N, C-alpha and C. Protein backbone atom coordinates (compact mmCIF):
# COMPACT_ATOMS: atom_id res chain seq x y z
N UNK A 1 -38.10 133.35 60.15
CA UNK A 1 -38.18 133.61 61.58
C UNK A 1 -37.39 132.51 62.28
N UNK A 2 -36.43 132.91 63.08
CA UNK A 2 -35.65 131.97 63.86
C UNK A 2 -36.07 132.04 65.32
N UNK A 3 -36.20 130.88 65.95
CA UNK A 3 -36.68 130.83 67.33
C UNK A 3 -35.74 129.98 68.18
N UNK A 4 -35.29 130.55 69.29
CA UNK A 4 -34.49 129.84 70.29
C UNK A 4 -35.42 129.56 71.46
N UNK A 5 -35.92 128.34 71.53
CA UNK A 5 -36.99 127.99 72.46
C UNK A 5 -36.55 127.89 73.91
N UNK A 6 -37.43 128.38 74.78
CA UNK A 6 -37.28 128.27 76.22
C UNK A 6 -38.62 128.64 76.83
N UNK A 7 -38.95 128.10 77.96
CA UNK A 7 -40.22 128.45 78.59
C UNK A 7 -40.19 129.87 79.14
N UNK A 8 -39.09 130.25 79.76
CA UNK A 8 -39.01 131.53 80.47
C UNK A 8 -38.37 132.65 79.68
N UNK A 9 -37.67 132.34 78.59
CA UNK A 9 -36.96 133.38 77.84
C UNK A 9 -36.68 132.89 76.41
N UNK A 10 -37.67 133.00 75.55
CA UNK A 10 -37.55 132.53 74.17
C UNK A 10 -37.09 133.67 73.28
N UNK A 11 -36.05 133.43 72.51
CA UNK A 11 -35.56 134.42 71.56
C UNK A 11 -36.20 134.24 70.20
N UNK A 12 -36.60 135.35 69.59
CA UNK A 12 -37.22 135.33 68.26
C UNK A 12 -36.55 136.38 67.41
N UNK A 13 -36.20 136.02 66.19
CA UNK A 13 -35.63 136.99 65.26
C UNK A 13 -36.14 136.74 63.86
N UNK A 14 -36.26 137.82 63.11
CA UNK A 14 -36.71 137.72 61.73
C UNK A 14 -35.70 138.45 60.86
N UNK A 15 -35.32 137.78 59.77
CA UNK A 15 -34.43 138.40 58.79
C UNK A 15 -35.12 138.44 57.43
N UNK A 16 -34.67 139.35 56.61
CA UNK A 16 -35.13 139.42 55.23
C UNK A 16 -33.93 139.10 54.35
N UNK A 17 -34.15 138.36 53.29
CA UNK A 17 -33.07 138.00 52.37
C UNK A 17 -33.21 138.88 51.14
N UNK A 18 -32.20 139.72 50.93
CA UNK A 18 -32.17 140.62 49.77
C UNK A 18 -30.95 140.25 48.93
N UNK A 19 -31.18 139.45 47.92
CA UNK A 19 -30.06 138.95 47.11
C UNK A 19 -29.20 138.05 47.96
N UNK A 20 -27.95 138.46 48.17
CA UNK A 20 -27.05 137.67 49.02
C UNK A 20 -26.93 138.25 50.42
N UNK A 21 -27.67 139.31 50.69
CA UNK A 21 -27.61 139.97 52.01
C UNK A 21 -28.72 139.48 52.93
N UNK A 22 -28.38 139.35 54.20
CA UNK A 22 -29.36 139.06 55.24
C UNK A 22 -29.57 140.34 56.03
N UNK A 23 -30.79 140.83 56.06
CA UNK A 23 -31.11 142.10 56.71
C UNK A 23 -31.99 141.83 57.93
N UNK A 24 -31.55 142.25 59.12
CA UNK A 24 -32.37 142.04 60.31
C UNK A 24 -33.65 142.88 60.24
N UNK A 25 -34.77 142.25 60.57
CA UNK A 25 -36.07 142.93 60.56
C UNK A 25 -36.53 143.20 61.98
N UNK A 26 -36.45 142.21 62.84
CA UNK A 26 -36.83 142.38 64.24
C UNK A 26 -36.21 141.29 65.07
N UNK A 27 -36.09 141.57 66.35
CA UNK A 27 -35.68 140.54 67.31
C UNK A 27 -36.26 140.92 68.66
N UNK A 28 -36.61 139.93 69.42
CA UNK A 28 -37.13 140.17 70.76
C UNK A 28 -37.02 138.92 71.60
N UNK A 29 -37.16 139.10 72.89
CA UNK A 29 -37.17 137.99 73.82
C UNK A 29 -38.56 137.93 74.44
N UNK A 30 -39.16 136.76 74.39
CA UNK A 30 -40.46 136.54 75.03
C UNK A 30 -40.15 136.03 76.43
N UNK A 31 -40.41 136.87 77.42
CA UNK A 31 -40.06 136.53 78.81
C UNK A 31 -41.31 136.20 79.61
N UNK A 32 -41.17 135.22 80.50
CA UNK A 32 -42.24 134.82 81.40
C UNK A 32 -41.64 134.34 82.71
N UNK A 33 -40.85 135.21 83.39
CA UNK A 33 -40.11 134.74 84.57
C UNK A 33 -40.97 134.30 85.74
N UNK A 34 -42.13 134.90 85.91
CA UNK A 34 -42.91 134.58 87.12
C UNK A 34 -44.30 134.02 86.83
N UNK A 35 -44.62 133.81 85.57
CA UNK A 35 -45.94 133.25 85.26
C UNK A 35 -46.00 131.77 85.64
N UNK A 36 -47.18 131.31 86.04
CA UNK A 36 -47.33 129.86 86.24
C UNK A 36 -47.02 129.14 84.92
N UNK A 37 -46.60 127.91 85.03
CA UNK A 37 -46.17 127.10 83.89
C UNK A 37 -47.18 127.16 82.73
N UNK A 38 -48.44 126.88 83.00
CA UNK A 38 -49.45 126.83 81.94
C UNK A 38 -49.65 128.19 81.29
N UNK A 39 -49.60 129.25 82.07
CA UNK A 39 -49.77 130.60 81.51
C UNK A 39 -48.55 131.02 80.70
N UNK A 40 -47.37 130.56 81.08
CA UNK A 40 -46.15 130.84 80.30
C UNK A 40 -46.25 130.17 78.93
N UNK A 41 -46.76 128.93 78.90
CA UNK A 41 -46.94 128.24 77.61
C UNK A 41 -47.97 128.96 76.75
N UNK A 42 -49.06 129.40 77.36
CA UNK A 42 -50.09 130.13 76.61
C UNK A 42 -49.54 131.45 76.07
N UNK A 43 -48.78 132.17 76.89
CA UNK A 43 -48.19 133.42 76.43
C UNK A 43 -47.24 133.17 75.26
N UNK A 44 -46.47 132.11 75.34
CA UNK A 44 -45.55 131.76 74.26
C UNK A 44 -46.32 131.54 72.96
N UNK A 45 -47.41 130.82 73.03
CA UNK A 45 -48.26 130.59 71.85
C UNK A 45 -48.80 131.91 71.31
N UNK A 46 -49.32 132.74 72.19
CA UNK A 46 -49.93 134.00 71.76
C UNK A 46 -48.90 134.93 71.11
N UNK A 47 -47.71 135.02 71.69
CA UNK A 47 -46.67 135.92 71.16
C UNK A 47 -46.14 135.42 69.82
N UNK A 48 -45.88 134.12 69.70
CA UNK A 48 -45.39 133.57 68.43
C UNK A 48 -46.44 133.79 67.34
N UNK A 49 -47.69 133.55 67.66
CA UNK A 49 -48.78 133.75 66.71
C UNK A 49 -48.87 135.22 66.29
N UNK A 50 -48.76 136.14 67.26
CA UNK A 50 -48.84 137.58 66.96
C UNK A 50 -47.67 138.03 66.09
N UNK A 51 -46.48 137.55 66.39
CA UNK A 51 -45.30 137.91 65.59
C UNK A 51 -45.46 137.40 64.16
N UNK A 52 -45.91 136.17 64.02
CA UNK A 52 -46.12 135.59 62.68
C UNK A 52 -47.18 136.39 61.91
N UNK A 53 -48.24 136.79 62.60
CA UNK A 53 -49.31 137.55 61.94
C UNK A 53 -48.83 138.94 61.52
N UNK A 54 -48.02 139.58 62.37
CA UNK A 54 -47.55 140.93 62.07
C UNK A 54 -46.50 140.96 60.96
N UNK A 55 -45.51 140.07 61.04
CA UNK A 55 -44.38 140.14 60.12
C UNK A 55 -44.50 139.21 58.92
N UNK A 56 -45.41 138.28 58.97
CA UNK A 56 -45.67 137.35 57.88
C UNK A 56 -44.40 136.69 57.31
N UNK A 57 -43.62 136.02 58.16
CA UNK A 57 -42.44 135.32 57.63
C UNK A 57 -42.86 134.19 56.71
N UNK A 58 -41.96 133.79 55.83
CA UNK A 58 -42.28 132.71 54.89
C UNK A 58 -41.88 131.34 55.43
N UNK A 59 -41.09 131.31 56.50
CA UNK A 59 -40.68 130.05 57.10
C UNK A 59 -40.18 130.32 58.52
N UNK A 60 -40.08 129.27 59.30
CA UNK A 60 -39.56 129.37 60.67
C UNK A 60 -38.51 128.29 60.87
N UNK A 61 -37.57 128.59 61.77
CA UNK A 61 -36.53 127.63 62.11
C UNK A 61 -36.40 127.57 63.62
N UNK A 62 -36.14 126.38 64.14
CA UNK A 62 -36.00 126.15 65.57
C UNK A 62 -34.89 125.13 65.79
N UNK A 63 -34.27 125.19 66.95
CA UNK A 63 -33.24 124.19 67.27
C UNK A 63 -33.89 122.82 67.39
N UNK A 64 -33.20 121.82 66.87
CA UNK A 64 -33.67 120.44 67.01
C UNK A 64 -33.40 119.98 68.45
N UNK A 65 -33.96 118.86 68.79
CA UNK A 65 -33.77 118.30 70.13
C UNK A 65 -32.30 117.97 70.33
N UNK A 66 -31.81 118.26 71.52
CA UNK A 66 -30.42 117.96 71.84
C UNK A 66 -30.36 117.23 73.17
N UNK A 67 -29.21 116.69 73.48
CA UNK A 67 -29.02 115.94 74.72
C UNK A 67 -29.10 116.88 75.92
N UNK A 68 -29.87 116.49 76.92
CA UNK A 68 -30.02 117.29 78.13
C UNK A 68 -29.92 116.36 79.33
N UNK A 69 -29.06 116.69 80.27
CA UNK A 69 -28.85 115.83 81.44
C UNK A 69 -29.99 115.90 82.45
N UNK A 70 -30.61 117.06 82.58
CA UNK A 70 -31.67 117.25 83.56
C UNK A 70 -33.02 116.95 82.91
N UNK A 71 -33.70 115.92 83.37
CA UNK A 71 -34.95 115.48 82.75
C UNK A 71 -36.05 116.53 82.87
N UNK A 72 -36.10 117.24 84.00
CA UNK A 72 -37.13 118.28 84.16
C UNK A 72 -36.91 119.40 83.14
N UNK A 73 -35.67 119.80 82.95
CA UNK A 73 -35.35 120.83 81.97
C UNK A 73 -35.72 120.35 80.57
N UNK A 74 -35.41 119.11 80.27
CA UNK A 74 -35.72 118.54 78.95
C UNK A 74 -37.23 118.53 78.70
N UNK A 75 -38.01 118.15 79.71
CA UNK A 75 -39.46 118.12 79.56
C UNK A 75 -40.03 119.52 79.35
N UNK A 76 -39.55 120.47 80.14
CA UNK A 76 -40.02 121.85 80.02
C UNK A 76 -39.68 122.41 78.64
N UNK A 77 -38.46 122.17 78.17
CA UNK A 77 -38.06 122.63 76.85
C UNK A 77 -38.91 121.95 75.77
N UNK A 78 -39.19 120.68 75.96
CA UNK A 78 -40.04 119.96 75.01
C UNK A 78 -41.44 120.54 74.92
N UNK A 79 -41.98 120.95 76.06
CA UNK A 79 -43.30 121.58 76.05
C UNK A 79 -43.26 122.92 75.32
N UNK A 80 -42.24 123.71 75.59
CA UNK A 80 -42.10 125.01 74.91
C UNK A 80 -41.94 124.80 73.40
N UNK A 81 -41.10 123.85 73.01
CA UNK A 81 -40.92 123.55 71.59
C UNK A 81 -42.23 123.11 70.96
N UNK A 82 -42.99 122.29 71.68
CA UNK A 82 -44.27 121.82 71.16
C UNK A 82 -45.24 122.95 70.89
N UNK A 83 -45.30 123.90 71.81
CA UNK A 83 -46.17 125.07 71.64
C UNK A 83 -45.71 125.89 70.43
N UNK A 84 -44.41 126.09 70.32
CA UNK A 84 -43.86 126.87 69.19
C UNK A 84 -44.13 126.17 67.87
N UNK A 85 -43.88 124.87 67.81
CA UNK A 85 -44.12 124.10 66.59
C UNK A 85 -45.60 124.16 66.20
N UNK A 86 -46.49 124.00 67.17
CA UNK A 86 -47.92 124.06 66.89
C UNK A 86 -48.33 125.46 66.42
N UNK A 87 -47.78 126.49 67.05
CA UNK A 87 -48.12 127.87 66.67
C UNK A 87 -47.68 128.16 65.24
N UNK A 88 -46.46 127.79 64.91
CA UNK A 88 -45.95 128.02 63.55
C UNK A 88 -46.75 127.23 62.52
N UNK A 89 -47.05 125.99 62.85
CA UNK A 89 -47.81 125.14 61.93
C UNK A 89 -49.22 125.71 61.72
N UNK A 90 -49.83 126.18 62.79
CA UNK A 90 -51.17 126.77 62.69
C UNK A 90 -51.16 128.02 61.82
N UNK A 91 -50.06 128.75 61.83
CA UNK A 91 -49.93 129.95 61.00
C UNK A 91 -49.53 129.61 59.56
N UNK A 92 -49.36 128.31 59.27
CA UNK A 92 -49.04 127.89 57.91
C UNK A 92 -47.58 128.04 57.53
N UNK A 93 -46.71 128.18 58.54
CA UNK A 93 -45.28 128.36 58.26
C UNK A 93 -44.57 127.01 58.12
N UNK A 94 -43.82 126.82 57.05
CA UNK A 94 -42.96 125.65 57.02
C UNK A 94 -41.95 125.78 58.16
N UNK A 95 -41.72 124.71 58.88
CA UNK A 95 -40.83 124.76 60.04
C UNK A 95 -39.64 123.84 59.80
N UNK A 96 -38.45 124.39 59.99
CA UNK A 96 -37.21 123.63 59.81
C UNK A 96 -36.50 123.53 61.15
N UNK A 97 -35.92 122.37 61.41
CA UNK A 97 -35.19 122.16 62.66
C UNK A 97 -33.71 121.95 62.33
N UNK A 98 -32.86 122.64 63.10
CA UNK A 98 -31.42 122.57 62.90
C UNK A 98 -30.72 122.27 64.21
N UNK A 99 -29.63 121.53 64.13
CA UNK A 99 -28.83 121.23 65.32
C UNK A 99 -28.20 122.53 65.83
N UNK A 100 -28.16 122.70 67.17
CA UNK A 100 -27.56 123.91 67.75
C UNK A 100 -26.16 124.20 67.23
N UNK A 101 -25.33 123.17 67.08
CA UNK A 101 -23.95 123.36 66.58
C UNK A 101 -23.93 123.95 65.18
N UNK A 102 -24.84 123.48 64.33
CA UNK A 102 -24.87 123.97 62.95
C UNK A 102 -25.36 125.42 62.89
N UNK A 103 -26.28 125.78 63.76
CA UNK A 103 -26.76 127.16 63.82
C UNK A 103 -25.61 128.08 64.24
N UNK A 104 -24.91 127.70 65.30
CA UNK A 104 -23.80 128.52 65.80
C UNK A 104 -22.70 128.64 64.75
N UNK A 105 -22.42 127.56 64.06
CA UNK A 105 -21.40 127.58 63.01
C UNK A 105 -21.80 128.55 61.89
N UNK A 106 -23.07 128.50 61.49
CA UNK A 106 -23.55 129.37 60.41
C UNK A 106 -23.59 130.83 60.83
N UNK A 107 -23.95 131.09 62.08
CA UNK A 107 -24.11 132.48 62.54
C UNK A 107 -22.80 133.12 62.94
N UNK A 108 -21.99 132.41 63.74
CA UNK A 108 -20.77 133.03 64.26
C UNK A 108 -19.48 132.36 63.77
N UNK A 109 -19.61 131.27 63.02
CA UNK A 109 -18.43 130.63 62.47
C UNK A 109 -17.74 129.67 63.40
N UNK A 110 -18.36 129.37 64.55
CA UNK A 110 -17.77 128.46 65.53
C UNK A 110 -18.89 127.65 66.17
N UNK A 111 -18.88 126.34 65.96
CA UNK A 111 -19.97 125.47 66.41
C UNK A 111 -20.10 125.31 67.92
N UNK A 112 -19.07 125.68 68.67
CA UNK A 112 -19.15 125.56 70.13
C UNK A 112 -19.30 126.92 70.81
N UNK A 113 -19.77 127.92 70.07
CA UNK A 113 -19.95 129.26 70.63
C UNK A 113 -20.98 129.23 71.76
N UNK A 114 -20.85 130.18 72.68
CA UNK A 114 -21.81 130.25 73.78
C UNK A 114 -23.10 130.92 73.34
């Protein structure tokens, strides 16, 4: 399960590995555009937990911390990451963190992709 963390729009995707093939299983965006901050964090926890329970992934991956100029944005992202990390850990999933550049390079072949 791969997770692109955000408080208001978190991306989640699950792939299955069949030999050398990667097969998409599901993908969705967890949106919370108008929820109060605390309720958005709770919803994020509940949705990640539900996805893990339904699809039973064997591991999870999330972007590692990166440089952010806006301190408020960095704090909010840190809170969302914390909820996701706790949710995955509670579900017993090994959690791996990867640099955004390395993820983009592996997925699209270009580390500076949008």
